[in-house]
Amino acid sequence: MTSLAADPPGHDKALQGRLLVLLAGVFWSLAGLFLRAMEAAGDWQVVFYRSLTLVIFLALVLVIRDGRRLPSIFAAAGWTSVLAGFFLSFAFVCFVTSMTRTTVANTLFLLSAAPLLAAFLGWVLLRESVRKATWAAMVAAMLGVAVMVGDGLAQGDPLGDLLALGAALAFALFTVTLRRKPGVDMLPTTVYAGLFALLWSGPAALATGQGLTLSTHDLLLCIGLGVVQMGCGLVAYIVGARYLGAAESALLSMSEVILGPLWVWWVFSEVPTTLTLAGGGIVLGALVGNALSGLRRRRPPVGAV
């Protein structure tokens, strides 16, 4: 993303990137707070208005950033960006509907398996090589996921966990799709994702009887989800990640997984079960180990220092 100010020296770029990616995780971690504060909004209503405000916010960012170059940027993104946005829209839907059916901790811990799913799908679909450390992390993450899903089955309410896994799979497909065109601009892709999510959620809200009428309180929270939680998080991540390697970006953005359950525990006294913490700890440990092994192997990116 082009900055209006001159780029800082190389060392400052890396520091700026780390702070922004860390901040992105903080923004994303606020989802549970917004959703738990809703008075009466249904899940499809939340998806609809969150997506609507996200599209408006990103459109404004793109206009300010790119101006007259905007049509050429969307054209350059091509159908790869549209398909990636299609998969990301399913992640949006599954994420919100999961959080309304299970704990924030369950949703975030299960969703955090997405990078390892993406590594597996990249190996299957794109013939990308996978490091031994990543294979080990996949096995460990599968164990952690099994513990959490088993806990959901034991409590008789596994749907939220399954939706969280659906979000992780959809996000992994989104990631793998973008790898087919590494130079694609992420922001146009997320605009497509918001538009697709509108197409799914609007009719669903009407068909399920939820409608599209919200209280002012809930509407403001949905706007906060679209602009602050998702929009600002995406912009911060996209700006910051261009100065960092993929492993470092993934490691720093895990602030979402750590902070998300803490916010709702602190504000709403939502305490995860012992098995959720155990399974989530296994998944998070697998992700951290994989990211740290990637950092040890990573060469400094060209132009980053």
Protein backbone atom coordinates (compact mmCIF):
# COMPACT_ATOMS: atom_id res chain seq x y z
CA MET A 1 0.00 0.00 0.00
CA THR A 2 1.44 3.33 -1.01
CA SER A 3 2.04 5.73 1.84
CA LEU A 4 1.52 9.47 1.49
CA ALA A 5 4.76 10.03 3.40
CA ALA A 6 8.26 9.08 2.32
CA ASP A 7 9.33 5.54 3.24
CA PRO A 8 11.51 5.39 6.37
CA PRO A 9 14.99 3.84 6.33
CA GLY A 10 15.26 0.04 6.12
CA HIS A 11 15.51 -0.67 9.86
CA ASP A 12 12.52 1.57 10.56
CA LYS A 13 10.54 -0.23 7.84
CA ALA A 14 10.95 -3.57 9.60
CA LEU A 15 9.99 -2.05 12.96
CA GLN A 16 6.99 -0.33 11.40
CA GLY A 17 5.95 -3.60 9.78
CA ARG A 18 6.15 -5.55 13.07
CA LEU A 19 4.12 -2.94 14.94
CA LEU A 20 1.45 -2.79 12.24
CA VAL A 21 1.06 -6.57 11.96
CA LEU A 22 0.87 -6.83 15.74
CA LEU A 23 -1.75 -4.05 15.73
CA ALA A 24 -3.72 -5.92 13.06
CA GLY A 25 -4.00 -8.91 15.39
CA VAL A 26 -5.21 -6.60 18.17
CA PHE A 27 -7.95 -5.19 15.90
CA TRP A 28 -9.02 -8.68 14.80
CA SER A 29 -9.13 -9.88 18.42
CA LEU A 30 -11.97 -7.43 19.18
CA ALA A 31 -14.57 -9.48 17.26
CA GLY A 32 -15.75 -11.37 20.33
CA LEU A 33 -16.26 -8.15 22.29
CA PHE A 34 -18.43 -6.64 19.56
CA LEU A 35 -20.47 -9.82 19.08
CA ARG A 36 -21.05 -10.47 22.79
CA ALA A 37 -22.22 -6.85 23.23
CA MET A 38 -25.04 -7.28 20.67
CA GLU A 39 -28.53 -6.92 22.11
CA ALA A 40 -30.69 -8.78 19.58
CA ALA A 41 -28.95 -8.89 16.19
CA GLY A 42 -29.02 -12.28 14.45
CA ASP A 43 -25.92 -13.83 12.92
CA TRP A 44 -27.00 -13.17 9.32
CA GLN A 45 -27.79 -9.55 10.17
CA VAL A 46 -24.33 -9.13 11.67
CA VAL A 47 -22.67 -10.65 8.59
CA PHE A 48 -24.70 -8.38 6.30
CA TYR A 49 -23.97 -5.06 8.01
CA ARG A 50 -20.39 -5.96 8.87
CA SER A 51 -19.77 -6.79 5.19
CA LEU A 52 -21.57 -3.67 3.97
CA THR A 53 -19.52 -1.31 6.14
CA LEU A 54 -16.32 -3.23 5.32
CA VAL A 55 -16.93 -2.76 1.58
CA ILE A 56 -17.64 0.95 2.01
CA PHE A 57 -14.56 1.44 4.20
CA LEU A 58 -12.22 -0.45 1.85
CA ALA A 59 -13.64 1.35 -1.19
CA LEU A 60 -12.80 4.69 0.44
CA VAL A 61 -9.30 3.47 1.31
CA LEU A 62 -8.74 2.32 -2.27
CA VAL A 63 -10.00 5.59 -3.75
CA ILE A 64 -7.72 7.61 -1.46
CA ARG A 65 -4.77 5.31 -2.11
CA ASP A 66 -5.06 4.69 -5.83
CA GLY A 67 -7.33 7.37 -7.32
CA ARG A 68 -7.43 7.05 -11.09
CA ARG A 69 -5.37 3.85 -11.01
CA LEU A 70 -8.21 1.99 -9.27
CA PRO A 71 -9.75 0.36 -12.41
CA SER A 72 -6.37 -0.91 -13.57
CA ILE A 73 -5.64 -2.37 -10.11
CA PHE A 74 -8.90 -4.36 -10.14
CA ALA A 75 -8.19 -5.45 -13.71
CA ALA A 76 -4.69 -6.60 -12.76
CA ALA A 77 -6.12 -8.63 -9.86
CA GLY A 78 -8.25 -10.50 -12.38
CA TRP A 79 -10.34 -13.61 -11.76
CA THR A 80 -7.84 -14.94 -9.25
CA SER A 81 -8.83 -12.11 -6.93
CA VAL A 82 -12.54 -12.78 -7.49
CA LEU A 83 -12.15 -16.48 -6.66
CA ALA A 84 -10.06 -15.69 -3.59
CA GLY A 85 -12.73 -13.21 -2.48
CA PHE A 86 -15.37 -15.94 -2.94
CA PHE A 87 -13.52 -18.24 -0.52
CA LEU A 88 -12.84 -15.41 1.93
CA SER A 89 -16.54 -14.53 2.03
CA PHE A 90 -17.30 -18.04 3.31
CA ALA A 91 -14.67 -17.52 6.00
CA PHE A 92 -16.46 -14.29 7.00
CA VAL A 93 -19.82 -16.09 7.26
CA CYS A 94 -18.51 -19.15 9.11
CA PHE A 95 -16.51 -16.98 11.53
CA VAL A 96 -19.49 -14.90 12.70
CA THR A 97 -21.93 -17.81 12.82
CA SER A 98 -19.37 -19.85 14.77
CA MET A 99 -18.92 -17.15 17.41
CA THR A 100 -22.68 -17.01 17.98
CA ARG A 101 -22.73 -20.76 18.72
CA THR A 102 -19.56 -21.47 20.68
CA THR A 103 -17.01 -19.66 22.81
CA VAL A 104 -14.70 -17.03 21.37
CA ALA A 105 -11.75 -19.19 22.43
CA ASN A 106 -13.01 -22.21 20.49
CA THR A 107 -13.58 -20.16 17.34
CA LEU A 108 -10.21 -18.42 17.41
CA PHE A 109 -8.15 -21.48 18.34
CA LEU A 110 -9.76 -23.57 15.59
CA LEU A 111 -9.52 -20.76 13.04
CA SER A 112 -5.82 -20.37 13.84
CA ALA A 113 -5.19 -23.74 12.16
CA ALA A 114 -5.78 -22.04 8.78
CA PRO A 115 -2.06 -21.45 7.96
CA LEU A 116 -1.29 -25.15 8.43
CA LEU A 117 -4.33 -26.12 6.33
CA ALA A 118 -3.07 -23.72 3.66
CA ALA A 119 0.34 -25.41 3.71
CA PHE A 120 -1.32 -28.80 3.21
CA LEU A 121 -3.60 -27.56 0.42
CA GLY A 122 -0.65 -25.83 -1.26
CA TRP A 123 1.16 -29.18 -1.25
CA VAL A 124 -1.88 -30.99 -2.72
CA LEU A 125 -3.09 -28.40 -5.22
CA LEU A 126 0.02 -26.43 -6.16
CA ARG A 127 2.72 -29.05 -5.55
CA GLU A 128 4.46 -26.70 -3.11
CA SER A 129 7.12 -28.29 -0.93
CA VAL A 130 6.38 -28.55 2.80
CA ARG A 131 9.11 -28.44 5.44
CA LYS A 132 9.43 -31.28 7.96
CA ALA A 133 8.72 -28.82 10.76
CA THR A 134 5.44 -27.86 9.09
CA TRP A 135 4.39 -31.51 8.74
CA ALA A 136 5.07 -31.98 12.46
CA ALA A 137 3.08 -28.83 13.24
CA MET A 138 0.15 -30.14 11.15
CA VAL A 139 0.05 -33.39 13.12
CA ALA A 140 0.18 -31.52 16.44
CA ALA A 141 -2.52 -29.08 15.31
CA MET A 142 -4.78 -31.97 14.26
CA LEU A 143 -4.44 -33.38 17.77
CA GLY A 144 -5.39 -30.02 19.29
CA VAL A 145 -8.37 -29.66 16.94
CA ALA A 146 -9.54 -33.19 17.84
CA VAL A 147 -9.44 -32.30 21.54
CA MET A 148 -11.56 -29.16 21.05
CA VAL A 149 -14.07 -30.74 18.67
CA GLY A 150 -14.35 -33.74 21.00
CA ASP A 151 -15.13 -31.33 23.83
CA GLY A 152 -17.88 -29.77 21.70
CA LEU A 153 -19.35 -33.19 20.92
CA ALA A 154 -19.28 -34.13 24.60
CA GLN A 155 -21.22 -30.97 25.47
CA GLY A 156 -23.77 -31.62 22.73
CA ASP A 157 -23.09 -28.42 20.76
CA PRO A 158 -20.47 -29.14 18.08
CA LEU A 159 -21.94 -26.88 15.35
CA GLY A 160 -19.97 -23.82 16.40
CA ASP A 161 -16.72 -25.79 16.32
CA LEU A 162 -17.52 -27.22 12.90
CA LEU A 163 -18.28 -23.73 11.56
CA ALA A 164 -14.94 -22.51 12.94
CA LEU A 165 -13.21 -25.34 11.07
CA GLY A 166 -15.17 -24.30 7.98
CA ALA A 167 -13.83 -20.78 8.40
CA ALA A 168 -10.29 -22.13 8.71
CA LEU A 169 -10.70 -24.23 5.56
CA ALA A 170 -12.21 -21.33 3.61
CA PHE A 171 -9.40 -19.01 4.69
CA ALA A 172 -6.83 -21.64 3.70
CA LEU A 173 -8.43 -21.91 0.24
CA PHE A 174 -8.34 -18.11 -0.01
CA THR A 175 -4.63 -18.12 0.84
CA VAL A 176 -3.79 -20.88 -1.65
CA THR A 177 -5.77 -19.15 -4.41
CA LEU A 178 -3.74 -15.97 -3.96
CA ARG A 179 -0.53 -17.99 -4.29
CA ARG A 180 -1.44 -18.68 -7.91
CA LYS A 181 -0.86 -14.97 -8.51
CA PRO A 182 1.62 -13.73 -5.90
CA GLY A 183 1.51 -10.11 -7.06
CA VAL A 184 -2.23 -9.74 -6.52
CA ASP A 185 -3.36 -6.78 -4.41
CA MET A 186 -5.10 -7.99 -1.23
CA LEU A 187 -7.46 -5.06 -0.79
CA PRO A 188 -9.45 -5.57 -4.02
CA THR A 189 -9.78 -9.22 -3.01
CA THR A 190 -11.35 -8.30 0.31
CA VAL A 191 -13.78 -5.95 -1.44
CA TYR A 192 -14.96 -8.92 -3.50
CA ALA A 193 -15.22 -10.95 -0.29
CA GLY A 194 -17.43 -8.32 1.29
CA LEU A 195 -19.67 -8.18 -1.78
CA PHE A 196 -20.05 -11.97 -1.88
CA ALA A 197 -20.83 -12.02 1.85
CA LEU A 198 -23.57 -9.47 1.21
CA LEU A 199 -25.05 -11.76 -1.43
CA TRP A 200 -25.16 -14.69 1.00
CA SER A 201 -26.26 -12.89 4.15
CA GLY A 202 -28.97 -10.54 2.84
CA PRO A 203 -31.27 -13.28 1.44
CA ALA A 204 -30.43 -15.55 4.39
CA ALA A 205 -31.46 -12.87 6.89
CA LEU A 206 -34.78 -12.43 5.09
CA ALA A 207 -35.38 -16.17 4.61
CA THR A 208 -34.75 -16.97 8.29
CA GLY A 209 -37.08 -14.19 9.48
CA GLN A 210 -34.29 -12.10 11.00
CA GLY A 211 -34.87 -9.31 8.49
CA LEU A 212 -32.54 -6.36 8.02
CA THR A 213 -33.87 -4.05 10.74
CA LEU A 214 -31.52 -3.47 13.67
CA SER A 215 -31.53 -1.32 16.77
CA THR A 216 -29.22 1.68 16.69
CA HIS A 217 -27.06 0.00 19.33
CA ASP A 218 -26.55 -3.18 17.30
CA LEU A 219 -26.11 -1.28 14.03
CA LEU A 220 -23.29 0.78 15.54
CA LEU A 221 -21.62 -2.41 16.76
CA CYS A 222 -21.87 -3.91 13.25
CA ILE A 223 -20.29 -0.75 11.83
CA GLY A 224 -17.52 -1.13 14.41
CA LEU A 225 -16.98 -4.73 13.28
CA GLY A 226 -16.75 -3.71 9.63
CA VAL A 227 -14.59 -0.60 10.03
CA VAL A 228 -12.50 -1.09 13.17
CA GLN A 229 -12.26 -4.85 13.76
CA MET A 230 -11.97 -6.07 10.16
CA GLY A 231 -11.23 -2.97 8.03
CA CYS A 232 -8.51 -1.35 10.13
CA GLY A 233 -7.05 -4.79 10.85
CA LEU A 234 -6.77 -5.62 7.16
CA VAL A 235 -5.20 -2.28 6.26
CA ALA A 236 -2.67 -2.52 9.11
CA TYR A 237 -1.76 -6.09 8.14
CA ILE A 238 -1.38 -5.35 4.43
CA VAL A 239 0.80 -2.30 5.04
CA GLY A 240 2.93 -4.03 7.67
CA ALA A 241 3.32 -7.46 6.07
CA ARG A 242 5.07 -6.09 2.98
CA TYR A 243 8.15 -5.40 5.14
CA LEU A 244 8.22 -8.88 6.74
CA GLY A 245 8.50 -12.52 5.80
CA ALA A 246 5.43 -14.76 5.88
CA ALA A 247 6.58 -16.62 9.01
CA GLU A 248 7.15 -13.44 10.98
CA SER A 249 3.82 -11.98 9.88
CA ALA A 250 1.99 -15.16 10.92
CA LEU A 251 3.73 -15.17 14.30
CA LEU A 252 2.97 -11.54 15.13
CA SER A 253 -0.67 -11.69 14.01
CA MET A 254 -1.24 -14.50 16.56
CA SER A 255 -1.96 -11.67 18.99
CA GLU A 256 -5.56 -12.15 17.77
CA VAL A 257 -5.71 -15.73 19.08
CA ILE A 258 -4.17 -14.79 22.44
CA LEU A 259 -6.08 -11.56 23.10
CA GLY A 260 -9.53 -12.53 21.75
CA PRO A 261 -10.42 -14.98 24.54
CA LEU A 262 -8.88 -12.66 27.15
CA TRP A 263 -11.12 -9.72 26.18
CA VAL A 264 -14.37 -11.69 26.58
CA TRP A 265 -13.12 -13.34 29.78
CA TRP A 266 -12.28 -9.93 31.22
CA VAL A 267 -15.46 -8.11 30.10
CA PHE A 268 -18.11 -10.85 29.89
CA SER A 269 -16.64 -13.56 32.19
CA GLU A 270 -16.69 -16.12 29.35
CA VAL A 271 -14.32 -18.80 30.64
CA PRO A 272 -13.09 -21.49 28.19
CA THR A 273 -13.29 -25.12 29.28
CA THR A 274 -10.17 -26.98 30.34
CA LEU A 275 -10.23 -29.06 27.14
CA THR A 276 -10.59 -25.92 25.01
CA LEU A 277 -7.52 -24.42 26.66
CA ALA A 278 -5.61 -27.69 26.31
CA GLY A 279 -6.52 -28.18 22.63
CA GLY A 280 -6.02 -24.50 21.85
CA GLY A 281 -2.65 -24.56 23.55
CA ILE A 282 -1.58 -27.48 21.35
CA VAL A 283 -2.70 -25.68 18.17
CA LEU A 284 -1.08 -22.40 19.22
CA GLY A 285 2.13 -24.20 20.19
CA ALA A 286 2.21 -25.90 16.78
CA LEU A 287 1.77 -22.55 15.01
CA VAL A 288 4.41 -20.78 17.08
CA GLY A 289 6.88 -23.63 16.57
CA ASN A 290 6.29 -23.64 12.84
CA ALA A 291 6.63 -19.86 12.59
CA LEU A 292 9.82 -19.80 14.66
CA SER A 293 11.37 -22.56 12.54
CA GLY A 294 10.51 -20.48 9.47
CA LEU A 295 12.19 -17.43 10.97
CA ARG A 296 15.40 -19.38 11.53
CA ARG A 297 15.43 -20.44 7.89
CA ARG A 298 14.26 -17.15 6.39
CA ARG A 299 16.61 -14.98 4.37
CA PRO A 300 16.18 -11.21 4.70
CA PRO A 301 13.62 -10.08 2.09
CA VAL A 302 15.06 -8.00 -0.72
CA GLY A 303 14.55 -4.31 -0.09
CA ALA A 304 13.45 -4.80 3.53
CA VAL A 305 16.74 -3.68 5.05
